[in-house]
Amino acid sequence: MKNVLFIGAGSMAEAIIAGITSSGAVEPASVFVMNKSDRARLEELRNKYGIRPVTSGDPEIGQAELAVFATKPKDARQAMQEVAVQLNPSAAVLSVMAGIPISLFEETLGRRPVARSMPNTSATIGLAATGVAMNGEVGDNVRRDILSLLGSIGLVKEVEEDELHLITALAGSGPAYVYYFAEALEEAAASAGFCGQDARELIVQVLEGAAAMLKQRTAEPAELREHVTSPGGTTAAGLKALDEAGFHEAVASCIRAAENRSRELATGQ
């Protein structure tokens, strides 16, 4: 796909830009980026990735074949209105904003192909986990281009729009939960007197190894856990402490809270 316009230049936009330019999915000179007011941020992205900063009124906006909306959800409507007149009527739209429904794009930007997705920031290293929903205006060619673009930054699954709230909670926000767990492991190690680079490297290796085992799909997570857990052993003692602290309930509560927030954002709350 040629001429991709990013509206918004935050961490998610940068993650996708890094992914698509490093993979060769889109040439840097064909990536246009605009934001509300931070020109220094646009120059930073130009220097890092070779993209082209643009501002409202620039002709590149009308040349875009795909407009990627990556602003904060509260700024979504304003961002749409800012480019509505300039966008080519045939340009497709891809949203990476949490909670913003396809219907708002249709209402504000008119009848056109619209896809709504929620990648996570692992897009930067090509390991995003993304769900995407598309409206009825998305034809085969546009669907292929959008899936290819999102596929260049990791795993992508096409789903129904209502399912995106859960996927946002599970995959979009998921890296933060893993980092939070890593923080807790580091804090626990430090409180026992073991900290620094050695602790970090061991924790990262544990997470990487466990993820690789899960990816092999030779056993279910519960079975893999049981393989590590000897009756009366250290792992069993640790898992018992997690259960007594309500580990499963806390994780379920985390996902429900994030999903509910995504639904609230969809209603403008």
Protein backbone atom coordinates (compact mmCIF):
# COMPACT_ATOMS: atom_id res chain seq x y z
CA MET A 1 0.00 0.00 0.00
CA LYS A 2 1.24 3.48 -0.90
CA ASN A 3 0.76 6.78 0.93
CA VAL A 4 -0.29 5.94 4.47
CA LEU A 5 -1.31 8.90 6.64
CA PHE A 6 -1.03 8.71 10.43
CA ILE A 7 -3.20 11.12 12.41
CA GLY A 8 -1.54 11.07 15.80
CA ALA A 9 2.12 10.53 16.63
CA GLY A 10 2.09 8.82 20.01
CA SER A 11 3.59 5.53 21.11
CA MET A 12 1.11 3.35 19.20
CA ALA A 13 1.61 5.28 15.96
CA GLU A 14 5.37 5.01 16.37
CA ALA A 15 5.16 1.29 17.09
CA ILE A 16 3.27 0.70 13.85
CA ILE A 17 5.50 3.05 11.86
CA ALA A 18 8.57 1.23 13.16
CA GLY A 19 7.03 -2.11 12.24
CA ILE A 20 5.86 -1.30 8.72
CA THR A 21 8.99 0.62 7.72
CA SER A 22 11.45 -1.95 9.09
CA SER A 23 9.52 -4.81 7.45
CA GLY A 24 9.38 -2.99 4.11
CA ALA A 25 5.56 -3.09 4.04
CA VAL A 26 5.51 0.65 3.30
CA GLU A 27 8.33 2.90 2.12
CA PRO A 28 9.20 5.59 4.70
CA ALA A 29 8.75 8.36 2.12
CA SER A 30 5.17 7.17 1.62
CA VAL A 31 4.34 7.50 5.32
CA PHE A 32 2.86 10.87 6.30
CA VAL A 33 2.40 11.80 9.96
CA MET A 34 0.51 14.66 11.58
CA ASN A 35 -0.44 15.51 15.15
CA LYS A 36 -2.26 18.24 16.99
CA SER A 37 0.59 20.60 17.82
CA ASP A 38 3.89 18.91 18.67
CA ARG A 39 6.18 19.68 15.73
CA ALA A 40 9.24 18.48 17.66
CA ARG A 41 7.68 15.03 17.92
CA LEU A 42 7.16 14.90 14.15
CA GLU A 43 10.78 15.86 13.55
CA GLU A 44 11.84 13.12 15.96
CA LEU A 45 9.90 10.55 13.93
CA ARG A 46 11.32 11.92 10.68
CA ASN A 47 14.87 11.53 11.99
CA LYS A 48 14.27 8.01 13.30
CA TYR A 49 12.25 6.50 10.45
CA GLY A 50 12.50 8.80 7.43
CA ILE A 51 8.76 9.53 7.38
CA ARG A 52 7.26 12.82 6.15
CA PRO A 53 5.64 15.19 8.68
CA VAL A 54 2.53 16.99 7.42
CA THR A 55 0.10 19.53 8.78
CA SER A 56 -3.55 20.28 8.13
CA GLY A 57 -3.95 21.61 4.58
CA ASP A 58 -0.93 19.83 3.10
CA PRO A 59 -1.67 18.07 -0.21
CA GLU A 60 -0.28 14.75 1.09
CA ILE A 61 -3.47 14.32 3.13
CA GLY A 62 -5.50 14.08 -0.06
CA GLN A 63 -3.01 11.60 -1.55
CA ALA A 64 -3.36 9.07 1.27
CA GLU A 65 -4.80 5.67 0.33
CA LEU A 66 -5.09 4.74 4.00
CA ALA A 67 -5.60 7.03 6.98
CA VAL A 68 -4.54 5.54 10.32
CA PHE A 69 -6.19 7.26 13.27
CA ALA A 70 -3.95 6.96 16.32
CA THR A 71 -4.93 9.88 18.55
CA LYS A 72 -6.17 9.66 22.12
CA PRO A 73 -9.80 8.48 22.13
CA LYS A 74 -10.99 11.80 23.56
CA ASP A 75 -9.54 13.58 20.50
CA ALA A 76 -11.05 11.18 17.96
CA ARG A 77 -13.93 13.30 16.66
CA GLN A 78 -11.79 16.43 16.38
CA ALA A 79 -9.11 14.50 14.48
CA MET A 80 -11.70 13.18 12.02
CA GLN A 81 -13.18 16.62 11.46
CA GLU A 82 -9.74 18.09 10.84
CA VAL A 83 -9.06 15.87 7.83
CA ALA A 84 -12.61 15.09 6.67
CA VAL A 85 -12.66 17.60 3.80
CA GLN A 86 -9.19 16.72 2.52
CA LEU A 87 -9.31 12.93 2.63
CA ASN A 88 -9.88 11.31 -0.73
CA PRO A 89 -13.42 9.82 -0.78
CA SER A 90 -11.92 6.46 -1.74
CA ALA A 91 -9.31 6.47 1.05
CA ALA A 92 -9.72 3.68 3.58
CA VAL A 93 -9.57 4.26 7.32
CA LEU A 94 -7.83 2.17 9.96
CA SER A 95 -8.40 3.05 13.61
CA VAL A 96 -6.04 1.99 16.38
CA MET A 97 -7.91 3.95 19.05
CA ALA A 98 -9.41 2.06 21.97
CA GLY A 99 -13.19 2.04 22.15
CA ILE A 100 -14.00 4.25 19.15
CA PRO A 101 -16.74 2.55 17.08
CA ILE A 102 -16.76 2.18 13.32
CA SER A 103 -20.09 4.05 13.26
CA LEU A 104 -18.42 7.28 14.39
CA PHE A 105 -16.05 7.18 11.42
CA GLU A 106 -18.96 6.51 9.06
CA GLU A 107 -20.92 9.38 10.58
CA THR A 108 -18.03 11.85 10.41
CA LEU A 109 -16.09 10.79 7.30
CA GLY A 110 -18.90 9.45 5.13
CA ARG A 111 -19.29 6.16 3.37
CA ARG A 112 -15.88 4.54 2.93
CA PRO A 113 -13.95 1.40 3.96
CA VAL A 114 -13.31 1.47 7.72
CA ALA A 115 -11.36 -1.01 9.83
CA ARG A 116 -11.06 -0.83 13.60
CA SER A 117 -8.16 -2.50 15.39
CA MET A 118 -6.17 -2.44 18.60
CA PRO A 119 -2.53 -3.50 18.15
CA ASN A 120 -0.22 -3.50 21.13
CA THR A 121 3.14 -1.81 21.43
CA SER A 122 5.04 -5.01 20.64
CA ALA A 123 4.42 -3.87 17.05
CA THR A 124 7.77 -2.09 17.39
CA ILE A 125 9.57 -5.45 17.20
CA GLY A 126 7.09 -7.17 14.89
CA LEU A 127 5.36 -9.14 17.65
CA ALA A 128 2.04 -7.37 18.06
CA ALA A 129 -1.18 -9.26 18.77
CA THR A 130 -4.01 -7.51 16.93
CA GLY A 131 -7.72 -7.98 16.44
CA VAL A 132 -9.39 -6.11 13.57
CA ALA A 133 -13.01 -5.60 12.52
CA MET A 134 -14.10 -4.14 9.18
CA ASN A 135 -17.28 -2.57 7.85
CA GLY A 136 -19.19 -3.67 4.77
CA GLU A 137 -17.42 -1.14 2.53
CA VAL A 138 -14.11 -2.98 2.82
CA GLY A 139 -13.54 -4.92 -0.39
CA ASP A 140 -11.15 -7.77 -0.99
CA ASN A 141 -8.21 -5.59 -2.03
CA VAL A 142 -8.49 -3.22 0.93
CA ARG A 143 -8.99 -6.16 3.32
CA ARG A 144 -5.85 -7.78 1.97
CA ASP A 145 -3.88 -4.53 2.31
CA ILE A 146 -5.03 -3.90 5.89
CA LEU A 147 -4.37 -7.48 6.98
CA SER A 148 -0.97 -7.32 5.29
CA LEU A 149 -0.12 -4.02 7.02
CA LEU A 150 -1.18 -5.31 10.44
CA GLY A 151 0.45 -8.67 9.71
CA SER A 152 3.75 -6.92 9.11
CA ILE A 153 3.83 -5.98 12.80
CA GLY A 154 2.76 -9.34 14.25
CA LEU A 155 -0.21 -11.69 14.58
CA VAL A 156 -3.59 -10.41 13.36
CA LYS A 157 -7.06 -11.93 13.68
CA GLU A 158 -10.20 -10.63 11.96
CA VAL A 159 -13.13 -10.55 14.39
CA GLU A 160 -16.57 -9.03 14.88
CA GLU A 161 -16.53 -5.45 16.13
CA ASP A 162 -18.13 -6.20 19.50
CA GLU A 163 -15.36 -8.72 20.23
CA LEU A 164 -12.77 -5.95 20.03
CA HIS A 165 -13.59 -4.74 23.54
CA LEU A 166 -12.40 -8.03 25.01
CA ILE A 167 -9.45 -8.25 22.61
CA THR A 168 -8.42 -4.72 23.59
CA ALA A 169 -8.46 -5.78 27.24
CA LEU A 170 -6.64 -9.04 26.59
CA ALA A 171 -4.14 -8.27 23.81
CA GLY A 172 -4.05 -4.50 23.40
CA SER A 173 -3.38 -3.92 27.09
CA GLY A 174 -1.77 -7.33 27.61
CA PRO A 175 1.90 -6.29 27.44
CA ALA A 176 1.34 -3.91 30.37
CA TYR A 177 0.13 -6.80 32.50
CA VAL A 178 3.21 -8.85 31.63
CA TYR A 179 5.49 -5.91 32.42
CA TYR A 180 3.65 -5.40 35.69
CA PHE A 181 4.22 -9.06 36.57
CA ALA A 182 7.91 -8.65 35.70
CA GLU A 183 8.04 -5.59 37.97
CA ALA A 184 6.55 -7.63 40.80
CA LEU A 185 9.08 -10.41 40.27
CA GLU A 186 11.94 -7.90 40.32
CA GLU A 187 10.60 -6.27 43.48
CA ALA A 188 10.28 -9.66 45.18
CA ALA A 189 13.84 -10.56 44.18
CA ALA A 190 15.16 -7.22 45.38
CA SER A 191 13.40 -7.54 48.75
CA ALA A 192 15.24 -10.83 49.20
CA GLY A 193 18.56 -9.15 48.40
CA PHE A 194 18.94 -10.23 44.77
CA CYS A 195 18.61 -7.40 42.30
CA GLY A 196 20.27 -5.77 39.33
CA GLN A 197 21.02 -7.07 35.85
CA ASP A 198 21.31 -10.73 36.86
CA ALA A 199 17.78 -10.73 38.29
CA ARG A 200 16.41 -8.96 35.22
CA GLU A 201 18.05 -11.42 32.82
CA LEU A 202 16.74 -14.44 34.72
CA ILE A 203 13.20 -13.06 34.80
CA VAL A 204 13.22 -12.20 31.09
CA GLN A 205 14.52 -15.68 30.26
CA VAL A 206 11.77 -17.27 32.35
CA LEU A 207 9.10 -15.27 30.51
CA GLU A 208 10.62 -15.95 27.11
CA GLY A 209 11.02 -19.66 27.78
CA ALA A 210 7.48 -20.06 29.11
CA ALA A 211 6.06 -18.18 26.09
CA ALA A 212 8.03 -20.42 23.73
CA MET A 213 6.69 -23.53 25.48
CA LEU A 214 3.13 -22.24 25.13
CA LYS A 215 3.70 -21.45 21.48
CA GLN A 216 4.74 -25.02 20.73
CA ARG A 217 1.20 -26.09 21.68
CA THR A 218 2.33 -29.52 22.81
CA ALA A 219 0.32 -29.13 26.02
CA GLU A 220 -2.31 -26.91 27.61
CA PRO A 221 -1.17 -24.20 30.06
CA ALA A 222 -2.57 -26.17 32.99
CA GLU A 223 -0.62 -29.27 31.93
CA LEU A 224 2.60 -27.29 31.54
CA ARG A 225 2.06 -25.84 35.01
CA GLU A 226 1.54 -29.31 36.44
CA HIS A 227 4.79 -30.50 34.87
CA VAL A 228 6.66 -27.87 36.90
CA THR A 229 4.76 -28.51 40.11
CA SER A 230 5.93 -31.33 42.36
CA PRO A 231 3.61 -32.16 45.31
CA GLY A 232 4.94 -30.46 48.41
CA GLY A 233 7.66 -28.67 46.44
CA THR A 234 8.67 -25.04 46.03
CA THR A 235 6.46 -24.37 43.00
CA ALA A 236 3.44 -25.81 44.78
CA ALA A 237 4.11 -23.53 47.74
CA GLY A 238 4.37 -20.50 45.47
CA LEU A 239 1.18 -21.34 43.58
CA LYS A 240 -0.68 -21.89 46.85
CA ALA A 241 0.30 -18.37 47.93
CA LEU A 242 -0.96 -16.97 44.62
CA ASP A 243 -4.26 -18.82 45.01
CA GLU A 244 -4.68 -17.59 48.57
CA ALA A 245 -4.08 -14.04 47.34
CA GLY A 246 -6.84 -14.45 44.73
CA PHE A 247 -4.59 -14.57 41.67
CA HIS A 248 -7.20 -15.91 39.21
CA GLU A 249 -9.85 -13.53 40.51
CA ALA A 250 -7.47 -10.57 40.20
CA VAL A 251 -6.64 -11.44 36.58
CA ALA A 252 -10.32 -11.86 35.71
CA SER A 253 -11.11 -8.54 37.39
CA CYS A 254 -8.30 -6.88 35.42
CA ILE A 255 -9.67 -8.09 32.08
CA ARG A 256 -13.27 -7.16 32.97
CA ALA A 257 -12.24 -3.66 34.05
CA ALA A 258 -10.30 -3.04 30.83
CA GLU A 259 -13.12 -4.43 28.69
CA ASN A 260 -15.70 -2.30 30.48
CA ARG A 261 -13.53 0.78 29.99
CA SER A 262 -13.32 0.05 26.27
CA ARG A 263 -17.12 -0.11 26.12
CA GLU A 264 -17.37 3.17 28.04
CA LEU A 265 -15.02 4.86 25.58
CA ALA A 266 -17.28 3.66 22.75
CA THR A 267 -20.15 5.64 24.27
CA GLY A 268 -18.08 8.76 24.81
CA GLN A 269 -17.65 8.41 28.57
